[in-house]
Amino acid sequence: MVIRGLSKKYSIAKTKLKHTTLTDAIGHRIKHPFERVERDEFWALRGINLTINEGDVVGVIGRNGAGKSTLLKVMSQITEPTEGEIELYGRVGSLLEVGTGFHPELTGRENIFLNGAILGMSKREVAASFDQIVDFAGVEKFLETPVKRYSSGMYVRLAFAVAAHLSTEILIVDEVLAVGDAEFQRKCLGKMKDVAGGGRTVLFVSHNMAAVRTLCQKAVFMQQGTASDLLGVEEAISRYSESFDAATDPAQVADIHSRPGSGEFRFVAVKATTPSFAPHETKTIEFGLQNFRPLINRMFVQANIFDADNNVVINCDSRLFEQWFDPHQDHIEC
């Protein structure tokens, strides 16, 4: 895959349309035939150049709104670029959103063959992978049911199974690990490893850095519609982590009232002063303080850090290190 000067522009209306019905809209257009809606230009992608070789397993990471999904839609030929070009060497199988490429009125069986036909595969080619697709997705009992009646979990299992098992040279997956249970996520990672081991090219968008480390050989960091060159995975993750630290102020918690405690002592801000959460790396957190009880002469700090699933990953208590703090200062680090 070769990408040259790729850009994608969208037009956004400046003013909210006042019409609530089609009749109102038609009437307004008749009365004001020459009125034009003012629009702003929004560049979702700007000047991207990349070369991804056969067999590369590439993570695409960045904050929300960085342009990751738009880039993958252009790569999948769902959206046309405004500028630039992409050269694709091989067929592309993609899983971008739950149910993308499925017809809701067709059964699971019919959608499997429909997706194969869209990719230019013969019925015989699809049939050769059919049993593997059904077994992986675990939807054998529902094959003759229209997919509009599937749960979101069934939908995404079948969609991933179709994308991963059909014989495409390029597999593009956008946040599949955000849906489904832990067992399904494990199966997805395992299958993508098998796909990559078979020499196919894989592009994987995720906010799960552990999954990116496990699966990918290289990574691209995206920010505000631009993309880095191909980087080592750790360098890309470091840039991703630093983007949060550079773009955000300390979290202001002074106005949050739904907190336990007497209110005599409050944390009013919290900030991670080191940019990344790389394994085995010391992490420093700064707390802003406000003391409403000046007679207190020392204090300890206990902090928990949770992951995206609300699991405690770090529990720190300064008393374990015999570390006490002066409560009269306006901030502390631990």
Protein backbone atom coordinates (compact mmCIF):
# COMPACT_ATOMS: atom_id res chain seq x y z
CA MET A 1 0.00 0.00 0.00
CA VAL A 2 1.40 3.38 -1.04
CA ILE A 3 -0.23 6.64 0.11
CA ARG A 4 0.78 9.94 -1.49
CA GLY A 5 -0.38 13.39 -0.37
CA LEU A 6 -3.66 12.07 1.02
CA SER A 7 -6.15 14.66 2.29
CA LYS A 8 -9.86 14.54 3.09
CA LYS A 9 -12.04 17.64 3.47
CA TYR A 10 -15.58 17.94 4.81
CA SER A 11 -17.88 20.97 4.62
CA ILE A 12 -19.66 21.91 7.83
CA ALA A 13 -22.61 24.31 7.98
CA LYS A 14 -21.87 27.38 10.12
CA THR A 15 -25.47 28.04 11.10
CA LYS A 16 -28.07 25.59 12.32
CA LEU A 17 -30.89 25.01 9.86
CA LYS A 18 -34.19 26.23 11.31
CA HIS A 19 -36.50 23.88 9.42
CA THR A 20 -38.05 20.97 11.27
CA THR A 21 -40.03 19.44 8.39
CA LEU A 22 -39.48 18.79 4.70
CA THR A 23 -42.41 21.10 3.87
CA ASP A 24 -40.76 23.99 5.75
CA ALA A 25 -37.45 23.38 3.98
CA ILE A 26 -39.06 23.32 0.51
CA GLY A 27 -41.11 26.46 1.28
CA HIS A 28 -38.01 28.31 2.48
CA ARG A 29 -36.09 27.31 -0.66
CA ILE A 30 -38.93 28.59 -2.90
CA LYS A 31 -39.05 31.93 -1.05
CA HIS A 32 -35.26 32.31 -0.95
CA PRO A 33 -33.94 30.52 -4.07
CA PHE A 34 -30.54 32.21 -4.03
CA GLU A 35 -29.78 31.91 -0.31
CA ARG A 36 -26.60 29.99 0.41
CA VAL A 37 -25.74 28.22 3.64
CA GLU A 38 -22.39 29.39 4.96
CA ARG A 39 -20.01 26.50 5.47
CA ASP A 40 -16.65 25.95 7.08
CA GLU A 41 -14.00 23.61 5.75
CA PHE A 42 -12.79 20.82 8.01
CA TRP A 43 -9.76 18.80 6.96
CA ALA A 44 -10.07 15.39 8.60
CA LEU A 45 -6.83 14.28 6.89
CA ARG A 46 -4.02 16.46 5.59
CA GLY A 47 -0.96 15.55 3.52
CA ILE A 48 -0.45 11.93 4.56
CA ASN A 49 2.36 9.93 2.96
CA LEU A 50 2.95 6.30 3.92
CA THR A 51 4.33 3.12 2.41
CA ILE A 52 3.18 -0.12 4.04
CA ASN A 53 4.81 -3.29 2.77
CA GLU A 54 3.38 -6.75 2.31
CA GLY A 55 3.22 -8.60 5.62
CA ASP A 56 3.53 -5.47 7.80
CA VAL A 57 1.37 -5.40 10.94
CA VAL A 58 0.82 -1.72 11.66
CA GLY A 59 -0.93 -0.11 14.61
CA VAL A 60 -2.67 3.22 13.96
CA ILE A 61 -2.96 5.19 17.20
CA GLY A 62 -3.98 8.69 18.22
CA ARG A 63 -6.50 10.58 20.29
CA ASN A 64 -10.20 10.74 19.44
CA GLY A 65 -10.71 12.97 16.40
CA ALA A 66 -7.16 12.48 15.11
CA GLY A 67 -8.43 11.07 11.80
CA LYS A 68 -7.79 7.36 12.32
CA SER A 69 -11.21 6.09 11.25
CA THR A 70 -11.33 8.48 8.29
CA LEU A 71 -7.95 7.21 7.10
CA LEU A 72 -9.13 3.61 7.31
CA LYS A 73 -12.35 4.42 5.43
CA VAL A 74 -10.31 5.95 2.61
CA MET A 75 -7.99 2.93 2.61
CA SER A 76 -11.05 0.65 2.45
CA GLN A 77 -12.40 2.64 -0.53
CA ILE A 78 -15.54 3.59 1.40
CA THR A 79 -14.72 7.31 1.25
CA GLU A 80 -12.97 9.09 -1.61
CA PRO A 81 -10.02 11.36 -0.78
CA THR A 82 -10.22 15.07 -1.59
CA GLU A 83 -6.57 15.14 -2.61
CA GLY A 84 -3.84 12.57 -3.14
CA GLU A 85 -4.00 8.90 -4.00
CA ILE A 86 -3.68 5.38 -2.61
CA GLU A 87 -2.21 2.44 -4.50
CA LEU A 88 -3.52 -0.86 -3.14
CA TYR A 89 -1.82 -4.10 -4.11
CA GLY A 90 -4.43 -6.72 -3.29
CA ARG A 91 -7.99 -7.00 -2.01
CA VAL A 92 -9.00 -5.24 1.20
CA GLY A 93 -11.10 -6.80 3.96
CA SER A 94 -12.19 -4.35 6.63
CA LEU A 95 -14.12 -4.19 9.88
CA LEU A 96 -14.67 -0.51 10.60
CA GLU A 97 -17.98 -0.34 12.46
CA VAL A 98 -20.40 -2.92 13.80
CA GLY A 99 -22.35 -4.25 10.82
CA THR A 100 -20.49 -2.37 8.11
CA GLY A 101 -21.05 -4.23 4.85
CA PHE A 102 -23.99 -6.26 6.15
CA HIS A 103 -27.52 -5.99 4.78
CA PRO A 104 -29.89 -6.09 7.78
CA GLU A 105 -32.66 -7.92 5.90
CA LEU A 106 -30.38 -10.75 4.75
CA THR A 107 -29.54 -13.78 6.86
CA GLY A 108 -26.12 -14.47 8.31
CA ARG A 109 -25.45 -17.04 5.57
CA GLU A 110 -26.47 -14.63 2.81
CA ASN A 111 -24.32 -11.83 4.24
CA ILE A 112 -21.23 -14.05 4.30
CA PHE A 113 -21.60 -14.71 0.57
CA LEU A 114 -22.53 -11.07 -0.10
CA ASN A 115 -19.30 -9.86 1.51
CA GLY A 116 -17.30 -12.34 -0.53
CA ALA A 117 -18.97 -11.15 -3.73
CA ILE A 118 -18.20 -7.52 -2.85
CA LEU A 119 -14.54 -8.51 -2.53
CA GLY A 120 -14.66 -10.10 -5.98
CA MET A 121 -14.51 -13.67 -4.68
CA SER A 122 -16.33 -16.56 -6.32
CA LYS A 123 -18.99 -18.54 -4.50
CA ARG A 124 -16.61 -21.50 -4.38
CA GLU A 125 -13.88 -19.41 -2.72
CA VAL A 126 -16.30 -18.19 -0.04
CA ALA A 127 -17.65 -21.70 0.52
CA ALA A 128 -14.11 -22.93 1.21
CA SER A 129 -13.91 -20.63 4.25
CA PHE A 130 -17.58 -20.83 5.25
CA ASP A 131 -17.30 -23.43 8.03
CA GLN A 132 -14.33 -21.63 9.62
CA ILE A 133 -16.24 -18.33 9.59
CA VAL A 134 -19.32 -19.85 11.24
CA ASP A 135 -17.26 -21.74 13.83
CA PHE A 136 -15.23 -18.65 14.77
CA ALA A 137 -18.31 -16.42 15.07
CA GLY A 138 -20.33 -19.00 17.00
CA VAL A 139 -23.57 -18.16 15.17
CA GLU A 140 -24.39 -21.57 13.67
CA LYS A 141 -27.90 -21.61 15.20
CA PHE A 142 -28.69 -18.20 13.73
CA LEU A 143 -27.38 -18.57 10.18
CA GLU A 144 -30.86 -18.44 8.66
CA THR A 145 -31.92 -15.44 10.80
CA PRO A 146 -31.80 -11.88 9.36
CA VAL A 147 -28.83 -10.11 10.93
CA LYS A 148 -31.06 -7.21 12.01
CA ARG A 149 -32.18 -9.56 14.80
CA TYR A 150 -28.62 -10.25 15.96
CA SER A 151 -27.28 -8.77 19.16
CA SER A 152 -24.39 -6.32 18.79
CA GLY A 153 -22.03 -9.03 20.04
CA MET A 154 -23.22 -11.54 17.42
CA TYR A 155 -23.02 -8.85 14.74
CA VAL A 156 -19.41 -7.97 15.47
CA ARG A 157 -18.33 -11.61 15.89
CA LEU A 158 -19.68 -12.47 12.46
CA ALA A 159 -18.31 -9.29 10.88
CA PHE A 160 -14.82 -9.94 12.24
CA ALA A 161 -14.94 -13.60 11.23
CA VAL A 162 -15.88 -12.66 7.67
CA ALA A 163 -13.17 -9.98 7.41
CA ALA A 164 -10.46 -12.20 8.90
CA HIS A 165 -11.20 -15.49 7.12
CA LEU A 166 -11.92 -14.38 3.56
CA SER A 167 -8.84 -14.43 1.35
CA THR A 168 -7.89 -10.77 1.22
CA GLU A 169 -4.33 -9.54 1.08
CA ILE A 170 -4.99 -6.56 3.38
CA LEU A 171 -6.99 -6.67 6.64
CA ILE A 172 -8.12 -3.38 8.22
CA VAL A 173 -9.64 -3.49 11.70
CA ASP A 174 -10.93 -0.47 13.64
CA GLU A 175 -11.37 -0.91 17.41
CA VAL A 176 -12.77 -4.44 17.26
CA LEU A 177 -11.44 -5.06 20.76
CA ALA A 178 -13.75 -2.36 22.15
CA VAL A 179 -16.70 -4.72 21.60
CA GLY A 180 -17.26 -8.18 23.02
CA ASP A 181 -16.12 -10.10 26.05
CA ALA A 182 -12.58 -11.02 27.06
CA GLU A 183 -12.76 -14.42 25.34
CA PHE A 184 -13.80 -12.85 22.03
CA GLN A 185 -11.04 -10.25 22.30
CA ARG A 186 -8.51 -13.02 22.92
CA LYS A 187 -9.76 -14.92 19.85
CA CYS A 188 -9.55 -11.75 17.73
CA LEU A 189 -5.95 -11.08 18.72
CA GLY A 190 -5.04 -14.70 18.10
CA LYS A 191 -6.66 -14.66 14.67
CA MET A 192 -4.96 -11.41 13.69
CA LYS A 193 -1.62 -12.95 14.69
CA ASP A 194 -2.41 -15.92 12.45
CA VAL A 195 -3.37 -13.59 9.60
CA ALA A 196 -0.15 -11.61 9.99
CA GLY A 197 1.88 -14.82 10.22
CA GLY A 198 0.41 -15.87 6.89
CA GLY A 199 1.99 -12.88 5.16
CA ARG A 200 -1.11 -10.68 4.93
CA THR A 201 -0.89 -6.98 5.71
CA VAL A 202 -2.80 -5.85 8.82
CA LEU A 203 -3.75 -2.32 9.91
CA PHE A 204 -5.10 -2.17 13.44
CA VAL A 205 -6.65 0.90 15.10
CA SER A 206 -6.92 0.70 18.88
CA HIS A 207 -6.74 2.71 22.09
CA ASN A 208 -5.57 -0.47 23.83
CA MET A 209 -1.81 -0.03 23.93
CA ALA A 210 -1.24 -3.51 25.37
CA ALA A 211 -2.95 -5.00 22.29
CA VAL A 212 -0.88 -2.78 19.98
CA ARG A 213 2.32 -3.92 21.69
CA THR A 214 1.27 -7.57 21.44
CA LEU A 215 0.19 -7.56 17.80
CA CYS A 216 2.05 -4.86 15.89
CA GLN A 217 5.58 -4.62 14.52
CA LYS A 218 5.28 -0.93 13.59
CA ALA A 219 2.89 1.92 14.32
CA VAL A 220 1.68 5.26 12.97
CA PHE A 221 0.83 8.11 15.34
CA MET A 222 -1.94 10.42 14.13
CA GLN A 223 -2.70 13.91 15.42
CA GLN A 224 -5.16 16.49 14.03
CA GLY A 225 -5.43 14.78 10.66
CA THR A 226 -1.71 14.27 10.09
CA ALA A 227 0.26 11.04 10.36
CA SER A 228 3.82 10.25 11.35
CA ASP A 229 6.07 8.02 9.31
CA LEU A 230 6.13 4.35 10.26
CA LEU A 231 7.62 4.22 13.76
CA GLY A 232 8.67 1.61 16.25
CA VAL A 233 5.74 0.65 18.46
CA GLU A 234 7.23 2.08 21.66
CA GLU A 235 8.11 5.40 20.01
CA ALA A 236 4.58 5.76 18.63
CA ILE A 237 3.03 4.93 22.02
CA SER A 238 5.32 7.46 23.69
CA ARG A 239 4.15 10.19 21.28
CA TYR A 240 0.53 9.16 21.92
CA SER A 241 1.03 9.45 25.70
CA GLU A 242 2.83 12.79 25.37
CA SER A 243 -0.05 14.20 23.31
CA PHE A 244 -2.34 13.93 26.34
CA ASP A 245 0.18 15.60 28.63
CA ALA A 246 0.87 18.46 26.19
CA ALA A 247 -2.75 19.15 25.29
CA THR A 248 -4.43 19.11 28.68
CA ASP A 249 -4.27 21.23 31.78
CA PRO A 250 -4.30 19.66 35.23
CA ALA A 251 -7.70 18.08 35.83
CA GLN A 252 -9.75 20.55 37.87
CA VAL A 253 -11.65 18.69 40.57
CA ALA A 254 -12.47 21.57 42.92
CA ASP A 255 -16.05 21.84 41.63
CA ILE A 256 -16.82 18.13 41.88
CA HIS A 257 -19.09 17.77 44.90
CA SER A 258 -20.03 14.09 44.62
CA ARG A 259 -17.02 12.96 46.67
CA PRO A 260 -16.75 11.19 50.02
CA GLY A 261 -15.26 12.86 53.06
CA SER A 262 -16.01 15.71 55.44
CA GLY A 263 -14.87 18.48 53.10
CA GLU A 264 -12.31 19.80 55.59
CA PHE A 265 -9.53 18.94 53.17
CA ARG A 266 -9.82 18.77 49.39
CA PHE A 267 -7.82 17.89 46.31
CA VAL A 268 -8.49 20.66 43.79
CA ALA A 269 -6.36 19.48 40.83
CA VAL A 270 -4.46 16.42 39.68
CA LYS A 271 -1.83 16.09 36.95
CA ALA A 272 0.53 13.38 35.74
CA THR A 273 3.84 15.23 35.40
CA THR A 274 5.58 12.53 33.37
CA PRO A 275 4.11 11.96 29.92
CA SER A 276 3.88 8.19 29.50
CA PHE A 277 2.79 5.09 31.39
CA ALA A 278 5.44 2.81 29.93
CA PRO A 279 6.01 -0.45 31.86
CA HIS A 280 8.61 -0.31 34.65
CA GLU A 281 8.80 3.49 34.41
CA THR A 282 8.45 5.73 37.47
CA LYS A 283 5.27 7.80 37.34
CA THR A 284 4.89 11.13 39.16
CA ILE A 285 1.48 12.58 40.00
CA GLU A 286 0.97 16.11 41.31
CA PHE A 287 -2.02 16.97 43.51
CA GLY A 288 -3.31 20.49 44.14
CA LEU A 289 -4.47 20.92 47.74
CA GLN A 290 -6.86 23.06 49.76
CA ASN A 291 -6.86 22.71 53.57
CA PHE A 292 -9.90 23.91 55.55
CA ARG A 293 -8.57 22.52 58.85
CA PRO A 294 -5.25 24.22 59.64
CA LEU A 295 -4.68 22.27 62.87
CA ILE A 296 -3.74 19.15 60.90
CA ASN A 297 0.07 18.91 60.93
CA ARG A 298 0.72 15.96 58.64
CA MET A 299 -1.09 13.72 56.20
CA PHE A 300 -0.68 10.67 53.96
CA VAL A 301 -1.91 10.15 50.41
CA GLN A 302 -3.54 7.04 49.01
CA ALA A 303 -4.20 6.95 45.25
CA ASN A 304 -5.78 4.36 42.97
CA ILE A 305 -5.40 4.34 39.18
CA PHE A 306 -8.03 2.52 37.13
CA ASP A 307 -8.00 1.22 33.58
CA ALA A 308 -10.74 1.79 30.98
CA ASP A 309 -12.76 -1.12 32.43
CA ASN A 310 -12.67 0.40 35.94
CA ASN A 311 -10.20 -2.18 37.24
CA VAL A 312 -7.60 -1.00 39.76
CA VAL A 313 -4.17 -1.30 38.14
CA ILE A 314 -2.17 0.71 40.70
CA ASN A 315 -2.75 1.20 44.42
CA CYS A 316 -0.34 3.54 46.16
CA ASP A 317 -0.29 4.47 49.85
CA SER A 318 2.43 6.85 51.04
CA ARG A 319 2.38 5.26 54.51
CA LEU A 320 3.91 2.10 53.06
CA PHE A 321 7.00 4.18 52.28
CA GLU A 322 6.80 6.11 55.57
CA GLN A 323 6.13 9.22 53.51
CA TRP A 324 4.12 12.01 55.16
CA PHE A 325 3.22 15.40 53.73
CA ASP A 326 2.82 18.95 55.04
CA PRO A 327 -0.90 19.78 54.55
CA HIS A 328 -0.24 23.54 54.47
CA GLN A 329 1.44 23.52 51.04
CA ASP A 330 -0.66 24.07 47.93
CA HIS A 331 0.55 20.98 46.08
CA ILE A 332 2.37 17.70 46.60
CA GLU A 333 4.02 15.12 44.35
CA CYS A 334 4.03 11.38 44.83
